[in-house]
N, C-alpha and C. Protein backbone atom coordinates (compact mmCIF):
# COMPACT_ATOMS: atom_id res chain seq x y z
N MET A 1 88.20 -95.15 80.48
CA MET A 1 88.74 -95.42 79.63
C MET A 1 89.64 -94.27 78.91
N ALA A 2 90.89 -94.18 79.41
CA ALA A 2 91.69 -93.24 78.68
C ALA A 2 92.68 -93.74 77.69
N LEU A 3 92.40 -92.12 76.54
CA LEU A 3 92.56 -92.80 75.29
C LEU A 3 94.51 -92.45 75.17
N THR A 4 94.94 -93.55 74.96
CA THR A 4 96.73 -93.54 74.67
C THR A 4 96.80 -93.83 73.00
N CYS A 5 98.15 -92.40 72.95
CA CYS A 5 98.14 -92.42 71.64
C CYS A 5 98.57 -93.65 71.00
N ASN A 6 97.69 -93.44 69.62
CA ASN A 6 98.29 -94.88 69.27
C ASN A 6 98.59 -94.64 67.47
N ILE A 7 98.97 -93.12 67.07
CA ILE A 7 99.63 -93.13 65.81
C ILE A 7 101.02 -92.09 65.95
N GLY A 8 101.46 -91.91 64.94
CA GLY A 8 102.96 -91.03 64.55
C GLY A 8 102.51 -89.44 64.30
N ALA A 9 103.28 -89.19 63.98
CA ALA A 9 103.33 -87.53 63.65
C ALA A 9 103.09 -87.79 61.90
N ALA A 10 103.39 -89.03 61.07
CA ALA A 10 102.69 -88.96 59.82
C ALA A 10 100.83 -89.16 59.96
N GLY A 11 100.60 -89.91 60.47
CA GLY A 11 99.27 -90.15 61.22
C GLY A 11 98.25 -88.71 61.63
N LYS A 12 99.19 -87.69 62.60
CA LYS A 12 98.19 -86.83 62.88
C LYS A 12 98.11 -85.66 62.08
N ALA A 13 99.49 -85.94 60.97
CA ALA A 13 99.21 -84.94 59.58
C ALA A 13 98.43 -85.09 58.91
N ALA A 14 98.17 -86.50 58.71
CA ALA A 14 97.20 -87.34 57.54
C ALA A 14 95.83 -86.67 58.12
N ARG A 15 95.60 -86.91 59.48
CA ARG A 15 94.06 -87.47 59.84
C ARG A 15 93.70 -85.67 59.54
N LEU A 16 94.37 -84.61 60.14
CA LEU A 16 94.38 -83.09 60.30
C LEU A 16 93.97 -82.85 58.95
N ARG A 17 95.42 -83.35 57.91
CA ARG A 17 94.51 -83.11 56.54
C ARG A 17 93.36 -82.81 56.11
N VAL A 18 92.85 -84.27 56.24
CA VAL A 18 91.83 -84.78 56.36
C VAL A 18 90.64 -84.45 57.09
N GLY A 19 90.68 -83.78 58.35
CA GLY A 19 89.89 -83.01 59.15
C GLY A 19 89.50 -81.85 58.53
N ILE A 20 90.36 -81.01 57.94
CA ILE A 20 89.89 -79.54 57.38
C ILE A 20 89.42 -80.30 56.13
N LEU A 21 89.73 -80.70 55.21
CA LEU A 21 89.37 -80.82 53.63
C LEU A 21 87.39 -81.12 54.31
N GLY A 22 87.45 -82.11 55.22
CA GLY A 22 85.84 -82.32 55.77
C GLY A 22 84.77 -81.60 55.77
N VAL A 23 85.26 -80.64 56.94
CA VAL A 23 85.20 -79.09 57.36
C VAL A 23 85.14 -78.14 55.94
N ALA A 24 85.68 -78.04 55.11
CA ALA A 24 85.71 -76.98 54.35
C ALA A 24 84.73 -77.26 52.95
N GLY A 25 84.76 -78.86 53.32
CA GLY A 25 83.84 -79.41 52.26
C GLY A 25 82.72 -78.96 52.95
N GLY A 26 82.45 -79.56 54.10
CA GLY A 26 81.05 -79.02 54.75
C GLY A 26 80.46 -77.37 54.27
N LEU A 27 81.44 -77.09 54.20
CA LEU A 27 81.12 -75.59 54.38
C LEU A 27 80.64 -74.93 52.99
N GLY A 28 81.20 -75.28 51.82
CA GLY A 28 80.93 -75.78 50.20
C GLY A 28 79.46 -76.17 50.32
N LEU A 29 79.27 -77.49 50.87
CA LEU A 29 78.31 -77.68 50.77
C LEU A 29 77.39 -76.72 51.02
N ALA A 30 77.02 -76.08 52.44
CA ALA A 30 76.32 -75.53 53.08
C ALA A 30 75.90 -74.29 51.75
N ALA A 31 76.53 -73.59 51.29
CA ALA A 31 77.24 -72.97 50.60
C ALA A 31 75.64 -73.18 49.27
N LEU A 32 76.01 -74.51 48.89
CA LEU A 32 75.42 -74.97 47.06
C LEU A 32 73.93 -74.95 48.03
N VAL A 33 73.60 -75.58 49.10
CA VAL A 33 72.53 -75.91 50.13
C VAL A 33 71.45 -74.89 50.14
N GLY A 34 72.29 -73.62 50.76
CA GLY A 34 71.88 -72.13 50.90
C GLY A 34 71.31 -71.49 49.87
N THR A 35 72.05 -71.65 48.98
CA THR A 35 71.55 -70.78 47.43
C THR A 35 70.73 -71.34 46.93
N GLY A 36 69.93 -72.78 47.41
CA GLY A 36 69.24 -73.44 46.60
C GLY A 36 69.71 -74.39 45.38
N ILE A 37 70.95 -74.65 45.28
CA ILE A 37 71.43 -75.73 44.12
C ILE A 37 71.34 -77.03 44.41
N LEU A 38 71.63 -77.63 45.60
CA LEU A 38 71.31 -78.50 46.01
C LEU A 38 69.63 -79.02 47.34
N PRO A 39 69.00 -79.59 47.31
CA PRO A 39 67.86 -79.79 47.38
C PRO A 39 67.99 -79.17 49.11
N THR A 40 66.68 -79.31 50.08
CA THR A 40 67.45 -79.25 51.41
C THR A 40 67.19 -80.37 52.26
N LEU A 41 67.38 -81.43 51.72
CA LEU A 41 67.79 -82.74 52.20
C LEU A 41 69.44 -82.53 52.23
N GLY A 42 70.38 -81.82 51.82
CA GLY A 42 71.76 -81.51 51.58
C GLY A 42 71.65 -81.16 53.01
N TRP A 43 71.36 -80.64 53.50
CA TRP A 43 71.75 -80.20 55.22
C TRP A 43 72.21 -81.30 55.85
N TRP A 44 71.40 -82.30 55.83
CA TRP A 44 72.42 -83.55 56.33
C TRP A 44 73.89 -83.91 56.15
N ALA A 45 73.89 -83.79 55.09
CA ALA A 45 75.32 -84.01 54.27
C ALA A 45 76.69 -83.32 54.70
N VAL A 46 75.69 -81.67 55.43
CA VAL A 46 76.75 -80.76 55.49
C VAL A 46 77.03 -81.08 57.54
N ALA A 47 76.23 -81.62 57.97
CA ALA A 47 75.86 -81.96 59.67
C ALA A 47 76.95 -83.42 59.46
N ALA A 48 76.91 -83.81 58.57
CA ALA A 48 77.95 -85.39 58.13
C ALA A 48 79.54 -84.70 57.47
N SER A 49 79.97 -83.94 56.95
CA SER A 49 80.87 -83.65 56.63
C SER A 49 81.74 -82.69 57.55
N VAL A 50 80.91 -81.78 58.22
CA VAL A 50 81.80 -81.24 59.63
C VAL A 50 81.80 -82.33 60.72
N ALA A 51 80.72 -82.57 60.79
CA ALA A 51 80.95 -83.12 62.09
C ALA A 51 82.16 -84.41 61.83
N GLY A 52 82.36 -85.49 61.01
CA GLY A 52 83.03 -86.27 60.58
C GLY A 52 84.40 -85.27 60.07
N GLY A 53 84.63 -83.91 59.60
CA GLY A 53 85.76 -83.48 59.45
C GLY A 53 86.69 -83.07 60.99
N SER A 54 85.46 -82.38 61.66
CA SER A 54 85.73 -82.29 63.17
C SER A 54 86.12 -83.30 64.09
N PHE A 55 85.86 -84.65 63.89
CA PHE A 55 86.02 -85.74 64.76
C PHE A 55 87.60 -86.15 63.77
N ALA A 56 88.55 -85.96 62.76
CA ALA A 56 89.28 -86.07 62.88
C ALA A 56 90.43 -84.63 62.84
N ILE A 57 89.62 -84.21 62.70
CA ILE A 57 90.63 -82.92 63.64
C ILE A 57 91.01 -83.34 65.16
N TRP A 58 90.30 -83.91 65.71
CA TRP A 58 90.15 -84.16 67.13
C TRP A 58 91.29 -84.97 67.28
N GLU A 59 90.86 -86.48 66.47
CA GLU A 59 91.77 -87.72 66.49
C GLU A 59 93.09 -86.78 66.25
N ALA A 60 93.68 -86.12 65.28
CA ALA A 60 94.91 -85.53 65.23
C ALA A 60 95.37 -84.84 66.38
N ARG A 61 94.98 -83.77 66.68
CA ARG A 61 95.23 -83.16 68.25
C ARG A 61 95.39 -83.94 69.34
N ALA A 62 94.58 -85.26 69.57
CA ALA A 62 94.46 -86.42 70.40
C ALA A 62 95.20 -87.28 70.59
N GLY A 63 95.97 -87.78 69.08
CA GLY A 63 96.78 -88.40 68.61
C GLY A 63 96.65 -89.41 68.75
N TRP A 64 94.90 -90.03 68.77
CA TRP A 64 94.29 -91.12 69.04
C TRP A 64 93.40 -91.60 67.76
N CYS A 65 93.37 -92.79 66.96
CA CYS A 65 92.95 -93.16 66.02
C CYS A 65 91.43 -94.08 66.07
N VAL A 66 90.20 -93.73 66.01
CA VAL A 66 89.21 -94.70 66.36
C VAL A 66 89.74 -96.25 65.83
N VAL A 67 89.82 -95.88 64.65
CA VAL A 67 90.11 -97.64 63.58
C VAL A 67 91.06 -98.40 64.34
N ARG A 68 92.14 -97.70 64.64
CA ARG A 68 93.05 -98.52 65.24
C ARG A 68 93.31 -98.99 66.60
N ALA A 69 92.08 -98.14 67.64
CA ALA A 69 92.00 -98.35 68.74
C ALA A 69 91.18 -100.33 68.57
N MET A 70 90.54 -99.79 67.35
CA MET A 70 89.47 -101.27 67.48
C MET A 70 90.50 -102.22 66.82
N GLY A 71 91.88 -102.13 66.64
CA GLY A 71 92.22 -103.24 66.12
C GLY A 71 93.12 -103.57 64.77
N PHE A 72 92.09 -102.64 63.93
CA PHE A 72 93.40 -102.75 62.42
C PHE A 72 94.53 -101.92 62.33
N LYS A 73 94.86 -102.06 61.28
CA LYS A 73 95.92 -101.64 61.18
C LYS A 73 95.59 -100.58 59.88
N THR A 74 96.56 -99.94 60.02
CA THR A 74 96.19 -98.19 58.93
C THR A 74 97.69 -98.15 58.10
N PRO A 75 97.95 -97.67 57.29
CA PRO A 75 98.80 -97.61 56.57
C PRO A 75 99.97 -96.06 57.35
N VAL A 76 99.18 -95.47 57.76
CA VAL A 76 99.41 -94.04 57.88
C VAL A 76 99.47 -94.19 59.67
């Protein structure tokens, strides 16, 4: 299945911002878990945040949105 562009420039920019914030948030969480402020189980949150942010950055670069591909209408 080929991925066809299904978002415009505004959607790409929004996904890129969300992705960068997700990865940055994951790095912040990693610092908190690494210093012992959060429990070790927090590594799952770090992994999820970085993976989700990375996926959003990939979506922005590809111009493809998984939610739109499933038929849902997104405002951006």
